[in-house]
Amino acid sequence: MRLPPQFIGLEQARQVLAEMGVDLNPRQMKRAADKDATGRRKLPFFVDPIEGTLKIEKGTLVDIYQRLQIEAEKQFNNNG
């Protein structure tokens, strides 16, 4: 059974990552959420239409980091 989406802001996202061992300061988190020159974000944050603040789905954030960890482990094992 899948849980309903839980949308969190920048500070909550930073706390979730810290619980996973990824310690970012507020400035690093904001850079990950800000659009780059091509209009893309490093993480899939979006502007909440009601609050006007940046949000991300908590499960998506965790999934991204878990997927990247698995890919890194595969590359390491293939090169070692």
PDB file of N, CA and C in Angstrom:
ATOM      1  N   MET A   1       0.845  -1.185   0.000  1.00  0.00           N
ATOM      2  CA  MET A   1       0.000   0.000   0.000  1.00  0.00           C
ATOM      3  C   MET A   1       0.888   1.246   0.000  1.00  0.00           C
ATOM      4  N   ARG A   2       0.649   2.116  -0.907  1.00  0.00           N
ATOM      5  CA  ARG A   2       1.440   3.340  -1.025  1.00  0.00           C
ATOM      6  C   ARG A   2       0.840   4.440  -0.153  1.00  0.00           C
ATOM      7  N   LEU A   3       1.713   5.175   0.513  1.00  0.00           N
ATOM      8  CA  LEU A   3       1.282   6.276   1.359  1.00  0.00           C
ATOM      9  C   LEU A   3       0.898   7.478   0.497  1.00  0.00           C
ATOM     10  N   PRO A   4      -0.007   8.313   0.994  1.00  0.00           N
ATOM     11  CA  PRO A   4      -0.340   9.519   0.222  1.00  0.00           C
ATOM     12  C   PRO A   4       0.871  10.445   0.150  1.00  0.00           C
ATOM     13  N   PRO A   5       0.946  11.284  -0.876  1.00  0.00           N
ATOM     14  CA  PRO A   5       2.101  12.172  -1.004  1.00  0.00           C
ATOM     15  C   PRO A   5       2.193  13.130   0.182  1.00  0.00           C
ATOM     16  N   GLN A   6       3.419  13.419   0.571  1.00  0.00           N
ATOM     17  CA  GLN A   6       3.674  14.371   1.645  1.00  0.00           C
ATOM     18  C   GLN A   6       4.599  15.447   1.090  1.00  0.00           C
ATOM     19  N   PHE A   7       4.060  16.633   0.895  1.00  0.00           N
ATOM     20  CA  PHE A   7       4.823  17.728   0.317  1.00  0.00           C
ATOM     21  C   PHE A   7       5.494  18.515   1.434  1.00  0.00           C
ATOM     22  N   ILE A   8       6.800  18.732   1.270  1.00  0.00           N
ATOM     23  CA  ILE A   8       7.583  19.397   2.303  1.00  0.00           C
ATOM     24  C   ILE A   8       8.339  20.576   1.700  1.00  0.00           C
ATOM     25  N   GLY A   9       8.682  21.530   2.562  1.00  0.00           N
ATOM     26  CA  GLY A   9       9.418  22.709   2.138  1.00  0.00           C
ATOM     27  C   GLY A   9      10.915  22.489   2.209  1.00  0.00           C
ATOM     28  N   LEU A  10      11.648  23.557   1.943  1.00  0.00           N
ATOM     29  CA  LEU A  10      13.112  23.480   1.898  1.00  0.00           C
ATOM     30  C   LEU A  10      13.715  23.005   3.213  1.00  0.00           C
ATOM     31  N   GLU A  11      13.293  23.573   4.322  1.00  0.00           N
ATOM     32  CA  GLU A  11      13.898  23.210   5.606  1.00  0.00           C
ATOM     33  C   GLU A  11      13.566  21.767   5.975  1.00  0.00           C
ATOM     34  N   GLN A  12      12.336  21.360   5.740  1.00  0.00           N
ATOM     35  CA  GLN A  12      11.967  19.966   6.022  1.00  0.00           C
ATOM     36  C   GLN A  12      12.754  19.017   5.126  1.00  0.00           C
ATOM     37  N   ALA A  13      12.948  19.380   3.863  1.00  0.00           N
ATOM     38  CA  ALA A  13      13.721  18.543   2.939  1.00  0.00           C
ATOM     39  C   ALA A  13      15.158  18.421   3.438  1.00  0.00           C
ATOM     40  N   ARG A  14      15.700  19.526   3.929  1.00  0.00           N
ATOM     41  CA  ARG A  14      17.060  19.502   4.473  1.00  0.00           C
ATOM     42  C   ARG A  14      17.146  18.576   5.678  1.00  0.00           C
ATOM     43  N   GLN A  15      16.110  18.568   6.512  1.00  0.00           N
ATOM     44  CA  GLN A  15      16.076  17.683   7.677  1.00  0.00           C
ATOM     45  C   GLN A  15      15.967  16.218   7.269  1.00  0.00           C
ATOM     46  N   VAL A  16      15.158  15.925   6.262  1.00  0.00           N
ATOM     47  CA  VAL A  16      15.022  14.551   5.761  1.00  0.00           C
ATOM     48  C   VAL A  16      16.371  14.049   5.266  1.00  0.00           C
ATOM     49  N   LEU A  17      17.069  14.884   4.501  1.00  0.00           N
ATOM     50  CA  LEU A  17      18.380  14.490   3.987  1.00  0.00           C
ATOM     51  C   LEU A  17      19.380  14.316   5.127  1.00  0.00           C
ATOM     52  N   ALA A  18      19.312  15.167   6.137  1.00  0.00           N
ATOM     53  CA  ALA A  18      20.218  15.047   7.283  1.00  0.00           C
ATOM     54  C   ALA A  18      19.993  13.719   8.001  1.00  0.00           C
ATOM     55  N   GLU A  19      18.751  13.292   8.111  1.00  0.00           N
ATOM     56  CA  GLU A  19      18.434  11.993   8.736  1.00  0.00           C
ATOM     57  C   GLU A  19      19.036  10.841   7.937  1.00  0.00           C
ATOM     58  N   MET A  20      19.248  11.071   6.630  1.00  0.00           N
ATOM     59  CA  MET A  20      19.839  10.050   5.761  1.00  0.00           C
ATOM     60  C   MET A  20      21.359  10.160   5.733  1.00  0.00           C
ATOM     61  N   GLY A  21      21.912  11.141   6.444  1.00  0.00           N
ATOM     62  CA  GLY A  21      23.351  11.316   6.473  1.00  0.00           C
ATOM     63  C   GLY A  21      23.881  12.299   5.445  1.00  0.00           C
ATOM     64  N   VAL A  22      22.989  13.024   4.789  1.00  0.00           N
ATOM     65  CA  VAL A  22      23.382  14.033   3.807  1.00  0.00           C
ATOM     66  C   VAL A  22      23.169  15.397   4.461  1.00  0.00           C
ATOM     67  N   ASP A  23      24.242  15.957   4.998  1.00  0.00           N
ATOM     68  CA  ASP A  23      24.144  17.226   5.712  1.00  0.00           C
ATOM     69  C   ASP A  23      24.396  18.397   4.758  1.00  0.00           C
ATOM     70  N   LEU A  24      23.367  19.180   4.529  1.00  0.00           N
ATOM     71  CA  LEU A  24      23.464  20.366   3.685  1.00  0.00           C
ATOM     72  C   LEU A  24      23.106  21.587   4.520  1.00  0.00           C
ATOM     73  N   ASN A  25      23.775  22.692   4.256  1.00  0.00           N
ATOM     74  CA  ASN A  25      23.383  23.914   4.946  1.00  0.00           C
ATOM     75  C   ASN A  25      22.228  24.552   4.166  1.00  0.00           C
ATOM     76  N   PRO A  26      21.549  25.524   4.756  1.00  0.00           N
ATOM     77  CA  PRO A  26      20.392  26.128   4.064  1.00  0.00           C
ATOM     78  C   PRO A  26      20.736  26.694   2.686  1.00  0.00           C
ATOM     79  N   ARG A  27      21.928  27.256   2.536  1.00  0.00           N
ATOM     80  CA  ARG A  27      22.312  27.821   1.242  1.00  0.00           C
ATOM     81  C   ARG A  27      22.458  26.727   0.182  1.00  0.00           C
ATOM     82  N   GLN A  28      23.058  25.587   0.546  1.00  0.00           N
ATOM     83  CA  GLN A  28      23.193  24.478  -0.397  1.00  0.00           C
ATOM     84  C   GLN A  28      21.820  23.948  -0.812  1.00  0.00           C
ATOM     85  N   MET A  29      20.907  23.869   0.151  1.00  0.00           N
ATOM     86  CA  MET A  29      19.560  23.364  -0.139  1.00  0.00           C
ATOM     87  C   MET A  29      18.846  24.330  -1.089  1.00  0.00           C
ATOM     88  N   LYS A  30      18.986  25.611  -0.846  1.00  0.00           N
ATOM     89  CA  LYS A  30      18.347  26.596  -1.718  1.00  0.00           C
ATOM     90  C   LYS A  30      18.922  26.528  -3.127  1.00  0.00           C
ATOM     91  N   ARG A  31      20.239  26.322  -3.245  1.00  0.00           N
ATOM     92  CA  ARG A  31      20.843  26.190  -4.578  1.00  0.00           C
ATOM     93  C   ARG A  31      20.292  24.986  -5.319  1.00  0.00           C
ATOM     94  N   ALA A  32      20.035  23.896  -4.613  1.00  0.00           N
ATOM     95  CA  ALA A  32      19.478  22.696  -5.245  1.00  0.00           C
ATOM     96  C   ALA A  32      18.046  22.928  -5.718  1.00  0.00           C
ATOM     97  N   ALA A  33      17.360  23.858  -5.078  1.00  0.00           N
ATOM     98  CA  ALA A  33      15.970  24.129  -5.434  1.00  0.00           C
ATOM     99  C   ALA A  33      15.836  25.247  -6.465  1.00  0.00           C
ATOM    100  N   ASP A  34      16.837  26.134  -6.554  1.00  0.00           N
ATOM    101  CA  ASP A  34      16.777  27.246  -7.502  1.00  0.00           C
ATOM    102  C   ASP A  34      16.969  26.749  -8.930  1.00  0.00           C
ATOM    103  N   LYS A  35      16.358  27.441  -9.859  1.00  0.00           N
ATOM    104  CA  LYS A  35      16.527  27.117 -11.272  1.00  0.00           C
ATOM    105  C   LYS A  35      17.902  27.569 -11.739  1.00  0.00           C
ATOM    106  N   ASP A  36      18.492  26.779 -12.647  1.00  0.00           N
ATOM    107  CA  ASP A  36      19.775  27.172 -13.233  1.00  0.00           C
ATOM    108  C   ASP A  36      19.510  28.042 -14.470  1.00  0.00           C
ATOM    109  N   ALA A  37      20.555  28.342 -15.221  1.00  0.00           N
ATOM    110  CA  ALA A  37      20.432  29.220 -16.392  1.00  0.00           C
ATOM    111  C   ALA A  37      19.480  28.670 -17.444  1.00  0.00           C
ATOM    112  N   THR A  38      19.314  27.339 -17.470  1.00  0.00           N
ATOM    113  CA  THR A  38      18.417  26.735 -18.468  1.00  0.00           C
ATOM    114  C   THR A  38      17.003  26.530 -17.928  1.00  0.00           C
ATOM    115  N   GLY A  39      16.768  26.971 -16.682  1.00  0.00           N
ATOM    116  CA  GLY A  39      15.433  26.858 -16.105  1.00  0.00           C
ATOM    117  C   GLY A  39      15.149  25.542 -15.411  1.00  0.00           C
ATOM    118  N   ARG A  40      16.193  24.750 -15.187  1.00  0.00           N
ATOM    119  CA  ARG A  40      16.020  23.445 -14.526  1.00  0.00           C
ATOM    120  C   ARG A  40      16.489  23.506 -13.082  1.00  0.00           C
ATOM    121  N   ARG A  41      15.875  22.685 -12.244  1.00  0.00           N
ATOM    122  CA  ARG A  41      16.275  22.580 -10.847  1.00  0.00           C
ATOM    123  C   ARG A  41      17.067  21.290 -10.666  1.00  0.00           C
ATOM    124  N   LYS A  42      17.987  21.258  -9.698  1.00  0.00           N
ATOM    125  CA  LYS A  42      18.746  20.036  -9.424  1.00  0.00           C
ATOM    126  C   LYS A  42      17.845  18.978  -8.801  1.00  0.00           C
ATOM    127  N   LEU A  43      16.866  19.418  -8.037  1.00  0.00           N
ATOM    128  CA  LEU A  43      15.876  18.523  -7.441  1.00  0.00           C
ATOM    129  C   LEU A  43      14.496  19.000  -7.875  1.00  0.00           C
ATOM    130  N   PRO A  44      13.514  18.095  -7.954  1.00  0.00           N
ATOM    131  CA  PRO A  44      12.198  18.459  -8.501  1.00  0.00           C
ATOM    132  C   PRO A  44      11.306  19.253  -7.531  1.00  0.00           C
ATOM    133  N   PHE A  45      11.782  20.414  -7.109  1.00  0.00           N
ATOM    134  CA  PHE A  45      10.953  21.318  -6.318  1.00  0.00           C
ATOM    135  C   PHE A  45       9.980  22.023  -7.251  1.00  0.00           C
ATOM    136  N   PHE A  46       8.856  22.439  -6.716  1.00  0.00           N
ATOM    137  CA  PHE A  46       7.882  23.216  -7.473  1.00  0.00           C
ATOM    138  C   PHE A  46       7.322  24.292  -6.554  1.00  0.00           C
ATOM    139  N   VAL A  47       6.742  25.314  -7.140  1.00  0.00           N
ATOM    140  CA  VAL A  47       6.156  26.395  -6.361  1.00  0.00           C
ATOM    141  C   VAL A  47       4.727  26.000  -5.998  1.00  0.00           C
ATOM    142  N   ASP A  48       4.466  25.929  -4.709  1.00  0.00           N
ATOM    143  CA  ASP A  48       3.117  25.631  -4.216  1.00  0.00           C
ATOM    144  C   ASP A  48       2.210  26.778  -4.648  1.00  0.00           C
ATOM    145  N   PRO A  49       1.128  26.481  -5.379  1.00  0.00           N
ATOM    146  CA  PRO A  49       0.287  27.555  -5.898  1.00  0.00           C
ATOM    147  C   PRO A  49      -0.480  28.312  -4.808  1.00  0.00           C
ATOM    148  N   ILE A  50      -0.673  27.718  -3.674  1.00  0.00           N
ATOM    149  CA  ILE A  50      -1.417  28.374  -2.593  1.00  0.00           C
ATOM    150  C   ILE A  50      -0.486  29.200  -1.716  1.00  0.00           C
ATOM    151  N   GLU A  51       0.617  28.572  -1.271  1.00  0.00           N
ATOM    152  CA  GLU A  51       1.531  29.251  -0.364  1.00  0.00           C
ATOM    153  C   GLU A  51       2.589  30.075  -1.089  1.00  0.00           C
ATOM    154  N   GLY A  52       2.881  29.731  -2.344  1.00  0.00           N
ATOM    155  CA  GLY A  52       3.911  30.431  -3.094  1.00  0.00           C
ATOM    156  C   GLY A  52       5.323  30.063  -2.652  1.00  0.00           C
ATOM    157  N   THR A  53       5.465  28.934  -1.940  1.00  0.00           N
ATOM    158  CA  THR A  53       6.779  28.487  -1.480  1.00  0.00           C
ATOM    159  C   THR A  53       7.196  27.238  -2.244  1.00  0.00           C
ATOM    160  N   LEU A  54       8.497  26.953  -2.215  1.00  0.00           N
ATOM    161  CA  LEU A  54       9.000  25.759  -2.884  1.00  0.00           C
ATOM    162  C   LEU A  54       8.651  24.514  -2.085  1.00  0.00           C
ATOM    163  N   LYS A  55       8.217  23.480  -2.775  1.00  0.00           N
ATOM    164  CA  LYS A  55       7.841  22.204  -2.154  1.00  0.00           C
ATOM    165  C   LYS A  55       8.423  21.064  -2.972  1.00  0.00           C
ATOM    166  N   ILE A  56       8.560  19.919  -2.327  1.00  0.00           N
ATOM    167  CA  ILE A  56       8.973  18.689  -2.977  1.00  0.00           C
ATOM    168  C   ILE A  56       8.243  17.543  -2.276  1.00  0.00           C
ATOM    169  N   GLU A  57       7.978  16.487  -2.989  1.00  0.00           N
ATOM    170  CA  GLU A  57       7.334  15.330  -2.379  1.00  0.00           C
ATOM    171  C   GLU A  57       8.412  14.541  -1.642  1.00  0.00           C
ATOM    172  N   LYS A  58       8.175  14.278  -0.376  1.00  0.00           N
ATOM    173  CA  LYS A  58       9.169  13.638   0.492  1.00  0.00           C
ATOM    174  C   LYS A  58       9.640  12.297  -0.064  1.00  0.00           C
ATOM    175  N   GLY A  59       8.728  11.459  -0.502  1.00  0.00           N
ATOM    176  CA  GLY A  59       9.086  10.147  -1.039  1.00  0.00           C
ATOM    177  C   GLY A  59       9.955  10.255  -2.280  1.00  0.00           C
ATOM    178  N   THR A  60       9.687  11.233  -3.123  1.00  0.00           N
ATOM    179  CA  THR A  60      10.484  11.455  -4.324  1.00  0.00           C
ATOM    180  C   THR A  60      11.906  11.824  -3.945  1.00  0.00           C
ATOM    181  N   LEU A  61      12.057  12.707  -2.973  1.00  0.00           N
ATOM    182  CA  LEU A  61      13.384  13.128  -2.523  1.00  0.00           C
ATOM    183  C   LEU A  61      14.186  11.934  -2.009  1.00  0.00           C
ATOM    184  N   VAL A  62      13.576  11.121  -1.185  1.00  0.00           N
ATOM    185  CA  VAL A  62      14.242   9.933  -0.636  1.00  0.00           C
ATOM    186  C   VAL A  62      14.574   8.954  -1.762  1.00  0.00           C
ATOM    187  N   ASP A  63      13.629   8.740  -2.677  1.00  0.00           N
ATOM    188  CA  ASP A  63      13.857   7.822  -3.804  1.00  0.00           C
ATOM    189  C   ASP A  63      15.039   8.257  -4.667  1.00  0.00           C
ATOM    190  N   ILE A  64      15.164   9.556  -4.913  1.00  0.00           N
ATOM    191  CA  ILE A  64      16.272  10.064  -5.728  1.00  0.00           C
ATOM    192  C   ILE A  64      17.600   9.696  -5.090  1.00  0.00           C
ATOM    193  N   TYR A  65      17.736   9.951  -3.793  1.00  0.00           N
ATOM    194  CA  TYR A  65      19.003   9.665  -3.127  1.00  0.00           C
ATOM    195  C   TYR A  65      19.274   8.172  -3.037  1.00  0.00           C
ATOM    196  N   GLN A  66      18.243   7.374  -2.809  1.00  0.00           N
ATOM    197  CA  GLN A  66      18.441   5.925  -2.760  1.00  0.00           C
ATOM    198  C   GLN A  66      18.850   5.386  -4.124  1.00  0.00           C
ATOM    199  N   ARG A  67      18.230   5.881  -5.181  1.00  0.00           N
ATOM    200  CA  ARG A  67      18.557   5.442  -6.546  1.00  0.00           C
ATOM    201  C   ARG A  67      19.995   5.824  -6.910  1.00  0.00           C
ATOM    202  N   LEU A  68      20.393   7.037  -6.550  1.00  0.00           N
ATOM    203  CA  LEU A  68      21.763   7.465  -6.830  1.00  0.00           C
ATOM    204  C   LEU A  68      22.785   6.632  -6.056  1.00  0.00           C
ATOM    205  N   GLN A  69      22.445   6.251  -4.835  1.00  0.00           N
ATOM    206  CA  GLN A  69      23.345   5.409  -4.044  1.00  0.00           C
ATOM    207  C   GLN A  69      23.509   4.032  -4.693  1.00  0.00           C
ATOM    208  N   ILE A  70      22.423   3.465  -5.158  1.00  0.00           N
ATOM    209  CA  ILE A  70      22.472   2.161  -5.823  1.00  0.00           C
ATOM    210  C   ILE A  70      23.319   2.238  -7.090  1.00  0.00           C
ATOM    211  N   GLU A  71      23.128   3.309  -7.881  1.00  0.00           N
ATOM    212  CA  GLU A  71      23.926   3.486  -9.097  1.00  0.00           C
ATOM    213  C   GLU A  71      25.409   3.623  -8.770  1.00  0.00           C
ATOM    214  N   ALA A  72      25.726   4.372  -7.727  1.00  0.00           N
ATOM    215  CA  ALA A  72      27.133   4.556  -7.336  1.00  0.00           C
ATOM    216  C   ALA A  72      27.747   3.225  -6.913  1.00  0.00           C
ATOM    217  N   GLU A  73      27.003   2.414  -6.183  1.00  0.00           N
ATOM    218  CA  GLU A  73      27.500   1.121  -5.750  1.00  0.00           C
ATOM    219  C   GLU A  73      27.727   0.198  -6.953  1.00  0.00           C
ATOM    220  N   LYS A  74      26.827   0.221  -7.918  1.00  0.00           N
ATOM    221  CA  LYS A  74      26.984  -0.596  -9.125  1.00  0.00           C
ATOM    222  C   LYS A  74      28.227  -0.191  -9.887  1.00  0.00           C
ATOM    223  N   GLN A  75      28.441   1.111 -10.064  1.00  0.00           N
ATOM    224  CA  GLN A  75      29.633   1.587 -10.772  1.00  0.00           C
ATOM    225  C   GLN A  75      30.893   1.205 -10.033  1.00  0.00           C
ATOM    226  N   PHE A  76      30.869   1.306  -8.731  1.00  0.00           N
ATOM    227  CA  PHE A  76      32.036   0.949  -7.927  1.00  0.00           C
ATOM    228  C   PHE A  76      32.356  -0.537  -8.083  1.00  0.00           C
ATOM    229  N   ASN A  77      31.322  -1.360  -8.013  1.00  0.00           N
ATOM    230  CA  ASN A  77      31.518  -2.811  -8.119  1.00  0.00           C
ATOM    231  C   ASN A  77      31.994  -3.217  -9.519  1.00  0.00           C
ATOM    232  N   ASN A  78      31.537  -2.490 -10.538  1.00  0.00           N
ATOM    233  CA  ASN A  78      31.967  -2.805 -11.908  1.00  0.00           C
ATOM    234  C   ASN A  78      33.383  -2.352 -12.192  1.00  0.00           C
ATOM    235  N   ASN A  79      33.867  -1.367 -11.454  1.00  0.00           N
ATOM    236  CA  ASN A  79      35.215  -0.849 -11.667  1.00  0.00           C
ATOM    237  C   ASN A  79      36.244  -1.484 -10.736  1.00  0.00           C
ATOM    238  N   GLY A  80      35.800  -2.185  -9.727  1.00  0.00           N
ATOM    239  CA  GLY A  80      36.728  -2.721  -8.736  1.00  0.00           C
ATOM    240  C   GLY A  80      36.985  -4.141  -8.916  1.00  0.00           C
TER     241      GLY A  80
END
